[in-house]
Amino acid sequence: VTPQTTITQYLSEFAANGEIKGEFVNAEGELSTQVIVQAASRAGARTFVCTSGPGQLYMHHPMHSTSSSRLPVVMATVHRGNKGMQPDHTDLMSQTWTGWIQLYCENNQEILDTALMAYKIAEDERVRLPVVFSYDGYVLSYTAEPVEVPSQKSVDDWLPPYEYQSILPKDYDPATGGRGFGRRGGDPQQGWITHHEALLNALPVIKEINEDFGKVFGRKYGNGLTETYMTEDAEA
């Protein structure tokens, strides 16, 4: 979906040229896209998906099952308004209650860096939740900026290989598609409690990873959660 098309364009070229190790899947729609990355994540693959605007809304339903299954999927949302083509944040803000961690980027360097940090946040054993990082469509997605690209070795040293570890309760029944549905579904309340605890755990984890990223790569973004602008003398 426009305007995230440059992401899939270049990823498909990288895959076709053998520049990246992995499988590039052309899905027929947003619903199947989430199901594909759910299965791949459970199979032990590090996964990535991207969307924009109406596609994000169409993806709403399976995003719930990705997060309730505690899968560390990473997604990029390239903002596009739902009533027009210009970017606004309603596409991702409407996904607040799907249980994904949301990170908003300001420029192309931050997009690159946040993509790396998103995997480390999502895969941290204290979190184990999907993460979406986002940025404005057209303004950033169709604009080229110079960025510092870290070496593959430095990234590999900083981001360990992904290994799938199920942290769902033993009575979790994948045939039901989640907890609390049917005779063997388990306790949905316990599931939401642990999910909430993981979201709270993510707050200090994000700060830690932002600091560590700054030490290794020389760039960090505020305290990892927020950045301030001319607030030194604010009385709030």
C-alpha atoms as a PDB file:
ATOM      1  CA  VAL A   1       0.000   0.000   0.000  1.00  0.00           C
ATOM      2  CA  THR A   2       1.340   3.447  -0.902  1.00  0.00           C
ATOM      3  CA  PRO A   3       3.499   5.071   0.523  1.00  0.00           C
ATOM      4  CA  GLN A   4       5.435   2.153   2.030  1.00  0.00           C
ATOM      5  CA  THR A   5       6.131   0.768  -1.445  1.00  0.00           C
ATOM      6  CA  THR A   6       9.804   1.758  -1.472  1.00  0.00           C
ATOM      7  CA  ILE A   7      10.439  -0.663   1.416  1.00  0.00           C
ATOM      8  CA  THR A   8       9.068  -3.693  -0.397  1.00  0.00           C
ATOM      9  CA  GLN A   9      10.634  -2.533  -3.653  1.00  0.00           C
ATOM     10  CA  TYR A  10      14.156  -2.541  -2.269  1.00  0.00           C
ATOM     11  CA  LEU A  11      13.700  -5.619  -0.078  1.00  0.00           C
ATOM     12  CA  SER A  12      12.487  -7.595  -3.090  1.00  0.00           C
ATOM     13  CA  GLU A  13      15.513  -6.415  -5.094  1.00  0.00           C
ATOM     14  CA  PHE A  14      17.890  -7.347  -2.266  1.00  0.00           C
ATOM     15  CA  ALA A  15      16.297 -10.797  -2.042  1.00  0.00           C
ATOM     16  CA  ALA A  16      16.374 -11.336  -5.819  1.00  0.00           C
ATOM     17  CA  ASN A  17      20.056 -10.345  -5.962  1.00  0.00           C
ATOM     18  CA  GLY A  18      20.981 -12.569  -3.031  1.00  0.00           C
ATOM     19  CA  GLU A  19      22.037  -9.599  -0.906  1.00  0.00           C
ATOM     20  CA  ILE A  20      19.978 -10.705   2.084  1.00  0.00           C
ATOM     21  CA  LYS A  21      19.568 -14.131   3.617  1.00  0.00           C
ATOM     22  CA  GLY A  22      15.936 -14.982   4.042  1.00  0.00           C
ATOM     23  CA  GLU A  23      12.643 -15.474   2.282  1.00  0.00           C
ATOM     24  CA  PHE A  24      10.730 -12.637   0.635  1.00  0.00           C
ATOM     25  CA  VAL A  25       7.027 -13.517   0.501  1.00  0.00           C
ATOM     26  CA  ASN A  26       4.514 -11.759  -1.724  1.00  0.00           C
ATOM     27  CA  ALA A  27       1.311 -12.014   0.286  1.00  0.00           C
ATOM     28  CA  GLU A  28      -2.109 -11.426  -1.210  1.00  0.00           C
ATOM     29  CA  GLY A  29      -3.262  -9.113   1.563  1.00  0.00           C
ATOM     30  CA  GLU A  30      -2.688  -7.717   5.030  1.00  0.00           C
ATOM     31  CA  LEU A  31      -4.552 -10.495   6.843  1.00  0.00           C
ATOM     32  CA  SER A  32      -2.382 -13.210   5.323  1.00  0.00           C
ATOM     33  CA  THR A  33       0.715 -11.062   5.871  1.00  0.00           C
ATOM     34  CA  GLN A  34       0.302 -11.182   9.645  1.00  0.00           C
ATOM     35  CA  VAL A  35      -0.473 -14.912   9.601  1.00  0.00           C
ATOM     36  CA  ILE A  36       2.682 -15.563   7.561  1.00  0.00           C
ATOM     37  CA  VAL A  37       4.951 -13.702   9.986  1.00  0.00           C
ATOM     38  CA  GLN A  38       3.237 -15.375  12.951  1.00  0.00           C
ATOM     39  CA  ALA A  39       4.066 -18.809  11.561  1.00  0.00           C
ATOM     40  CA  ALA A  40       7.583 -17.786  10.577  1.00  0.00           C
ATOM     41  CA  SER A  41       8.285 -16.318  14.014  1.00  0.00           C
ATOM     42  CA  ARG A  42       7.096 -19.503  15.714  1.00  0.00           C
ATOM     43  CA  ALA A  43       9.359 -21.490  13.394  1.00  0.00           C
ATOM     44  CA  GLY A  44      12.370 -19.487  14.591  1.00  0.00           C
ATOM     45  CA  ALA A  45      12.707 -16.877  11.852  1.00  0.00           C
ATOM     46  CA  ARG A  46      13.284 -13.193  12.480  1.00  0.00           C
ATOM     47  CA  THR A  47      10.401 -11.486  10.688  1.00  0.00           C
ATOM     48  CA  PHE A  48       9.515  -8.110   9.201  1.00  0.00           C
ATOM     49  CA  VAL A  49       6.381  -6.678   7.611  1.00  0.00           C
ATOM     50  CA  CYS A  50       5.332  -3.210   6.481  1.00  0.00           C
ATOM     51  CA  THR A  51       2.118  -1.386   5.627  1.00  0.00           C
ATOM     52  CA  SER A  52       0.431   2.014   5.419  1.00  0.00           C
ATOM     53  CA  GLY A  53      -2.910   3.738   5.980  1.00  0.00           C
ATOM     54  CA  PRO A  54      -5.822   1.580   4.755  1.00  0.00           C
ATOM     55  CA  GLY A  55      -3.589  -1.484   4.776  1.00  0.00           C
ATOM     56  CA  GLN A  56      -2.884  -0.872   8.455  1.00  0.00           C
ATOM     57  CA  LEU A  57      -6.608  -0.767   9.195  1.00  0.00           C
ATOM     58  CA  TYR A  58      -7.168  -3.953   7.210  1.00  0.00           C
ATOM     59  CA  MET A  59      -4.436  -5.614   9.304  1.00  0.00           C
ATOM     60  CA  HIS A  60      -6.139  -4.721  12.597  1.00  0.00           C
ATOM     61  CA  HIS A  61      -7.707  -8.114  13.278  1.00  0.00           C
ATOM     62  CA  PRO A  62      -4.612 -10.386  13.070  1.00  0.00           C
ATOM     63  CA  MET A  63      -2.452  -7.864  14.921  1.00  0.00           C
ATOM     64  CA  HIS A  64      -4.305  -8.879  18.075  1.00  0.00           C
ATOM     65  CA  SER A  65      -3.364 -12.539  17.685  1.00  0.00           C
ATOM     66  CA  THR A  66       0.282 -11.670  16.958  1.00  0.00           C
ATOM     67  CA  SER A  67       0.585  -9.791  20.235  1.00  0.00           C
ATOM     68  CA  SER A  68      -1.481 -12.220  22.325  1.00  0.00           C
ATOM     69  CA  SER A  69       0.771 -15.010  21.040  1.00  0.00           C
ATOM     70  CA  ARG A  70       3.757 -12.974  22.324  1.00  0.00           C
ATOM     71  CA  LEU A  71       5.624 -13.107  19.015  1.00  0.00           C
ATOM     72  CA  PRO A  72       8.501 -10.613  18.539  1.00  0.00           C
ATOM     73  CA  VAL A  73       7.453  -9.553  15.039  1.00  0.00           C
ATOM     74  CA  VAL A  74       8.742  -6.172  13.826  1.00  0.00           C
ATOM     75  CA  MET A  75       6.671  -3.986  11.505  1.00  0.00           C
ATOM     76  CA  ALA A  76       7.123  -0.630   9.799  1.00  0.00           C
ATOM     77  CA  THR A  77       4.079   1.599   9.406  1.00  0.00           C
ATOM     78  CA  VAL A  78       4.532   4.397   6.892  1.00  0.00           C
ATOM     79  CA  HIS A  79       1.847   6.901   7.823  1.00  0.00           C
ATOM     80  CA  ARG A  80      -0.922   7.750   5.400  1.00  0.00           C
ATOM     81  CA  GLY A  81      -4.213   9.430   6.207  1.00  0.00           C
ATOM     82  CA  ASN A  82      -7.397   7.429   5.910  1.00  0.00           C
ATOM     83  CA  LYS A  83      -9.338  10.209   4.182  1.00  0.00           C
ATOM     84  CA  GLY A  84      -6.632  11.182   1.739  1.00  0.00           C
ATOM     85  CA  MET A  85      -3.072  10.561   0.636  1.00  0.00           C
ATOM     86  CA  GLN A  86      -1.195  12.918   2.963  1.00  0.00           C
ATOM     87  CA  PRO A  87       0.371  11.450   6.107  1.00  0.00           C
ATOM     88  CA  ASP A  88      -1.233  11.518   9.524  1.00  0.00           C
ATOM     89  CA  HIS A  89      -0.979   9.141  12.454  1.00  0.00           C
ATOM     90  CA  THR A  90      -4.553   7.860  12.579  1.00  0.00           C
ATOM     91  CA  ASP A  91      -3.569   4.609  10.871  1.00  0.00           C
ATOM     92  CA  LEU A  92      -1.306   3.536  13.730  1.00  0.00           C
ATOM     93  CA  MET A  93      -2.979   5.398  16.593  1.00  0.00           C
ATOM     94  CA  SER A  94      -6.090   3.332  15.881  1.00  0.00           C
ATOM     95  CA  GLN A  95      -4.034   0.203  16.675  1.00  0.00           C
ATOM     96  CA  THR A  96      -3.222   1.305  20.227  1.00  0.00           C
ATOM     97  CA  TRP A  97      -5.178  -1.514  21.849  1.00  0.00           C
ATOM     98  CA  THR A  98      -3.794  -4.311  19.690  1.00  0.00           C
ATOM     99  CA  GLY A  99      -1.010  -4.783  22.240  1.00  0.00           C
ATOM    100  CA  TRP A 100       1.935  -3.782  20.041  1.00  0.00           C
ATOM    101  CA  ILE A 101       4.747  -1.500  21.214  1.00  0.00           C
ATOM    102  CA  GLN A 102       4.785   1.629  19.038  1.00  0.00           C
ATOM    103  CA  LEU A 103       7.888   3.716  18.242  1.00  0.00           C
ATOM    104  CA  TYR A 104       7.606   6.944  16.201  1.00  0.00           C
ATOM    105  CA  CYS A 105      10.560   8.184  14.116  1.00  0.00           C
ATOM    106  CA  GLU A 106      11.463  11.726  13.059  1.00  0.00           C
ATOM    107  CA  ASN A 107      14.008  11.288  10.262  1.00  0.00           C
ATOM    108  CA  ASN A 108      15.615   8.620   8.108  1.00  0.00           C
ATOM    109  CA  GLN A 109      18.591   8.059  10.405  1.00  0.00           C
ATOM    110  CA  GLU A 110      16.227   7.435  13.293  1.00  0.00           C
ATOM    111  CA  ILE A 111      14.228   5.035  11.109  1.00  0.00           C
ATOM    112  CA  LEU A 112      17.323   2.940  10.406  1.00  0.00           C
ATOM    113  CA  ASP A 113      18.453   2.939  14.026  1.00  0.00           C
ATOM    114  CA  THR A 114      14.987   2.266  15.422  1.00  0.00           C
ATOM    115  CA  ALA A 115      14.552  -0.722  13.114  1.00  0.00           C
ATOM    116  CA  LEU A 116      17.605  -2.300  14.739  1.00  0.00           C
ATOM    117  CA  MET A 117      16.515  -1.410  18.258  1.00  0.00           C
ATOM    118  CA  ALA A 118      12.991  -2.697  17.585  1.00  0.00           C
ATOM    119  CA  TYR A 119      14.268  -6.248  17.181  1.00  0.00           C
ATOM    120  CA  LYS A 120      16.276  -6.121  20.382  1.00  0.00           C
ATOM    121  CA  ILE A 121      13.283  -4.723  22.286  1.00  0.00           C
ATOM    122  CA  ALA A 122      10.838  -7.255  20.863  1.00  0.00           C
ATOM    123  CA  GLU A 123      13.114 -10.240  21.471  1.00  0.00           C
ATOM    124  CA  ASP A 124      14.142  -9.294  25.013  1.00  0.00           C
ATOM    125  CA  GLU A 125      12.981 -12.078  27.334  1.00  0.00           C
ATOM    126  CA  ARG A 126      11.410  -9.479  29.635  1.00  0.00           C
ATOM    127  CA  VAL A 127       9.210  -8.251  26.782  1.00  0.00           C
ATOM    128  CA  ARG A 128       8.594 -10.748  23.963  1.00  0.00           C
ATOM    129  CA  LEU A 129       6.039  -8.578  22.197  1.00  0.00           C
ATOM    130  CA  PRO A 130       5.686  -7.303  18.624  1.00  0.00           C
ATOM    131  CA  VAL A 131       7.063  -3.837  17.901  1.00  0.00           C
ATOM    132  CA  VAL A 132       6.022  -1.384  15.200  1.00  0.00           C
ATOM    133  CA  PHE A 133       8.144   1.630  14.265  1.00  0.00           C
ATOM    134  CA  SER A 134       6.589   4.333  12.133  1.00  0.00           C
ATOM    135  CA  TYR A 135       7.318   7.457  10.122  1.00  0.00           C
ATOM    136  CA  ASP A 136       5.535   9.893   7.830  1.00  0.00           C
ATOM    137  CA  GLY A 137       4.745   8.764   4.328  1.00  0.00           C
ATOM    138  CA  TYR A 138       6.043  10.751   1.339  1.00  0.00           C
ATOM    139  CA  VAL A 139       7.795  13.290   3.600  1.00  0.00           C
ATOM    140  CA  LEU A 140      10.259  10.588   4.640  1.00  0.00           C
ATOM    141  CA  SER A 141       9.397   7.450   2.674  1.00  0.00           C
ATOM    142  CA  TYR A 142       9.823   9.146  -0.709  1.00  0.00           C
ATOM    143  CA  THR A 143      12.691  11.419   0.353  1.00  0.00           C
ATOM    144  CA  ALA A 144      16.349  10.395   0.246  1.00  0.00           C
ATOM    145  CA  GLU A 145      18.627  11.464   3.104  1.00  0.00           C
ATOM    146  CA  PRO A 146      22.237  10.558   3.853  1.00  0.00           C
ATOM    147  CA  VAL A 147      22.459   8.150   6.790  1.00  0.00           C
ATOM    148  CA  GLU A 148      25.243   6.359   8.620  1.00  0.00           C
ATOM    149  CA  VAL A 149      24.856   2.630   7.998  1.00  0.00           C
ATOM    150  CA  PRO A 150      26.603   0.493  10.631  1.00  0.00           C
ATOM    151  CA  SER A 151      28.700  -2.435   9.475  1.00  0.00           C
ATOM    152  CA  GLN A 152      27.097  -5.865   9.349  1.00  0.00           C
ATOM    153  CA  LYS A 153      29.606  -7.156  11.896  1.00  0.00           C
ATOM    154  CA  SER A 154      28.832  -4.407  14.413  1.00  0.00           C
ATOM    155  CA  VAL A 155      25.109  -5.104  14.078  1.00  0.00           C
ATOM    156  CA  ASP A 156      25.630  -8.870  14.401  1.00  0.00           C
ATOM    157  CA  ASP A 157      27.741  -8.340  17.523  1.00  0.00           C
ATOM    158  CA  TRP A 158      25.115  -6.060  19.056  1.00  0.00           C
ATOM    159  CA  LEU A 159      21.973  -7.991  18.052  1.00  0.00           C
ATOM    160  CA  PRO A 160      22.206 -11.700  18.906  1.00  0.00           C
ATOM    161  CA  PRO A 161      20.554 -14.349  16.704  1.00  0.00           C
ATOM    162  CA  TYR A 162      16.840 -14.868  17.273  1.00  0.00           C
ATOM    163  CA  GLU A 163      15.653 -18.056  18.944  1.00  0.00           C
ATOM    164  CA  TYR A 164      11.948 -18.690  19.421  1.00  0.00           C
ATOM    165  CA  GLN A 165      11.005 -19.417  23.024  1.00  0.00           C
ATOM    166  CA  SER A 166       7.342 -19.868  23.825  1.00  0.00           C
ATOM    167  CA  ILE A 167       6.327 -18.089  27.008  1.00  0.00           C
ATOM    168  CA  LEU A 168       2.658 -18.960  26.691  1.00  0.00           C
ATOM    169  CA  PRO A 169       1.019 -21.096  29.392  1.00  0.00           C
ATOM    170  CA  LYS A 170       1.082 -24.863  28.956  1.00  0.00           C
ATOM    171  CA  ASP A 171      -2.688 -24.959  28.461  1.00  0.00           C
ATOM    172  CA  TYR A 172      -2.470 -22.639  25.459  1.00  0.00           C
ATOM    173  CA  ASP A 173      -4.272 -24.239  22.525  1.00  0.00           C
ATOM    174  CA  PRO A 174      -3.136 -22.952  19.123  1.00  0.00           C
ATOM    175  CA  ALA A 175      -6.181 -24.572  17.493  1.00  0.00           C
ATOM    176  CA  THR A 176      -8.380 -21.933  19.128  1.00  0.00           C
ATOM    177  CA  GLY A 177      -6.285 -19.050  17.816  1.00  0.00           C
ATOM    178  CA  GLY A 178      -5.690 -17.686  21.308  1.00  0.00           C
ATOM    179  CA  ARG A 179      -6.674 -17.915  24.936  1.00  0.00           C
ATOM    180  CA  GLY A 180     -10.132 -18.227  26.359  1.00  0.00           C
ATOM    181  CA  PHE A 181     -11.887 -19.567  23.262  1.00  0.00           C
ATOM    182  CA  GLY A 182     -13.374 -23.004  23.663  1.00  0.00           C
ATOM    183  CA  ARG A 183     -12.867 -25.772  26.168  1.00  0.00           C
ATOM    184  CA  ARG A 184      -9.067 -25.793  25.965  1.00  0.00           C
ATOM    185  CA  GLY A 185      -8.461 -22.103  25.508  1.00  0.00           C
ATOM    186  CA  GLY A 186      -6.944 -21.356  28.908  1.00  0.00           C
ATOM    187  CA  ASP A 187      -7.532 -18.337  31.127  1.00  0.00           C
ATOM    188  CA  PRO A 188      -7.817 -15.129  29.076  1.00  0.00           C
ATOM    189  CA  GLN A 189      -7.482 -12.892  32.131  1.00  0.00           C
ATOM    190  CA  GLN A 190      -4.122 -14.386  33.069  1.00  0.00           C
ATOM    191  CA  GLY A 191      -2.998 -13.865  29.503  1.00  0.00           C
ATOM    192  CA  TRP A 192      -3.874 -10.175  29.558  1.00  0.00           C
ATOM    193  CA  ILE A 193      -2.216  -9.740  32.947  1.00  0.00           C
ATOM    194  CA  THR A 194       1.091 -11.138  31.693  1.00  0.00           C
ATOM    195  CA  HIS A 195       0.719  -9.090  28.501  1.00  0.00           C
ATOM    196  CA  HIS A 196       0.240  -5.928  30.559  1.00  0.00           C
ATOM    197  CA  GLU A 197       3.260  -6.800  32.690  1.00  0.00           C
ATOM    198  CA  ALA A 198       5.347  -7.251  29.543  1.00  0.00           C
ATOM    199  CA  LEU A 199       4.313  -3.800  28.303  1.00  0.00           C
ATOM    200  CA  LEU A 200       5.366  -2.301  31.640  1.00  0.00           C
ATOM    201  CA  ASN A 201       8.649  -4.219  31.481  1.00  0.00           C
ATOM    202  CA  ALA A 202       9.256  -2.692  28.064  1.00  0.00           C
ATOM    203  CA  LEU A 203       9.590   0.827  29.488  1.00  0.00           C
ATOM    204  CA  PRO A 204      12.966   0.305  31.218  1.00  0.00           C
ATOM    205  CA  VAL A 205      14.058  -2.139  28.500  1.00  0.00           C
ATOM    206  CA  ILE A 206      13.591   0.530  25.812  1.00  0.00           C
ATOM    207  CA  LYS A 207      15.648   2.974  27.878  1.00  0.00           C
ATOM    208  CA  GLU A 208      18.415   0.407  28.377  1.00  0.00           C
ATOM    209  CA  ILE A 209      18.586  -0.498  24.699  1.00  0.00           C
ATOM    210  CA  ASN A 210      18.600   3.157  23.638  1.00  0.00           C
ATOM    211  CA  GLU A 211      21.534   3.848  25.983  1.00  0.00           C
ATOM    212  CA  ASP A 212      23.395   0.755  24.828  1.00  0.00           C
ATOM    213  CA  PHE A 213      22.805   1.651  21.180  1.00  0.00           C
ATOM    214  CA  GLY A 214      24.258   5.096  21.857  1.00  0.00           C
ATOM    215  CA  LYS A 215      27.406   3.633  23.408  1.00  0.00           C
ATOM    216  CA  VAL A 216      27.978   1.216  20.528  1.00  0.00           C
ATOM    217  CA  PHE A 217      26.898   3.280  17.512  1.00  0.00           C
ATOM    218  CA  GLY A 218      27.260   6.853  18.786  1.00  0.00           C
ATOM    219  CA  ARG A 219      23.594   7.819  18.437  1.00  0.00           C
ATOM    220  CA  LYS A 220      20.658   7.712  20.811  1.00  0.00           C
ATOM    221  CA  TYR A 221      17.212   9.293  20.932  1.00  0.00           C
ATOM    222  CA  GLY A 222      16.253  11.128  24.100  1.00  0.00           C
ATOM    223  CA  ASN A 223      15.770   8.620  26.891  1.00  0.00           C
ATOM    224  CA  GLY A 224      14.428   6.074  24.418  1.00  0.00           C
ATOM    225  CA  LEU A 225      10.826   6.869  25.291  1.00  0.00           C
ATOM    226  CA  THR A 226      10.590  10.612  24.678  1.00  0.00           C
ATOM    227  CA  GLU A 227      12.608  13.490  23.298  1.00  0.00           C
ATOM    228  CA  THR A 228      12.229  17.033  24.597  1.00  0.00           C
ATOM    229  CA  TYR A 229      12.345  20.353  22.758  1.00  0.00           C
ATOM    230  CA  MET A 230      13.032  23.626  24.589  1.00  0.00           C
ATOM    231  CA  THR A 231      11.582  22.365  27.867  1.00  0.00           C
ATOM    232  CA  GLU A 232      14.445  23.402  30.149  1.00  0.00           C
ATOM    233  CA  ASP A 233      12.514  26.300  31.742  1.00  0.00           C
ATOM    234  CA  ALA A 234       9.044  24.744  31.533  1.00  0.00           C
ATOM    235  CA  GLU A 235       7.037  24.977  34.756  1.00  0.00           C
ATOM    236  CA  ALA A 236       4.781  22.013  33.977  1.00  0.00           C
END
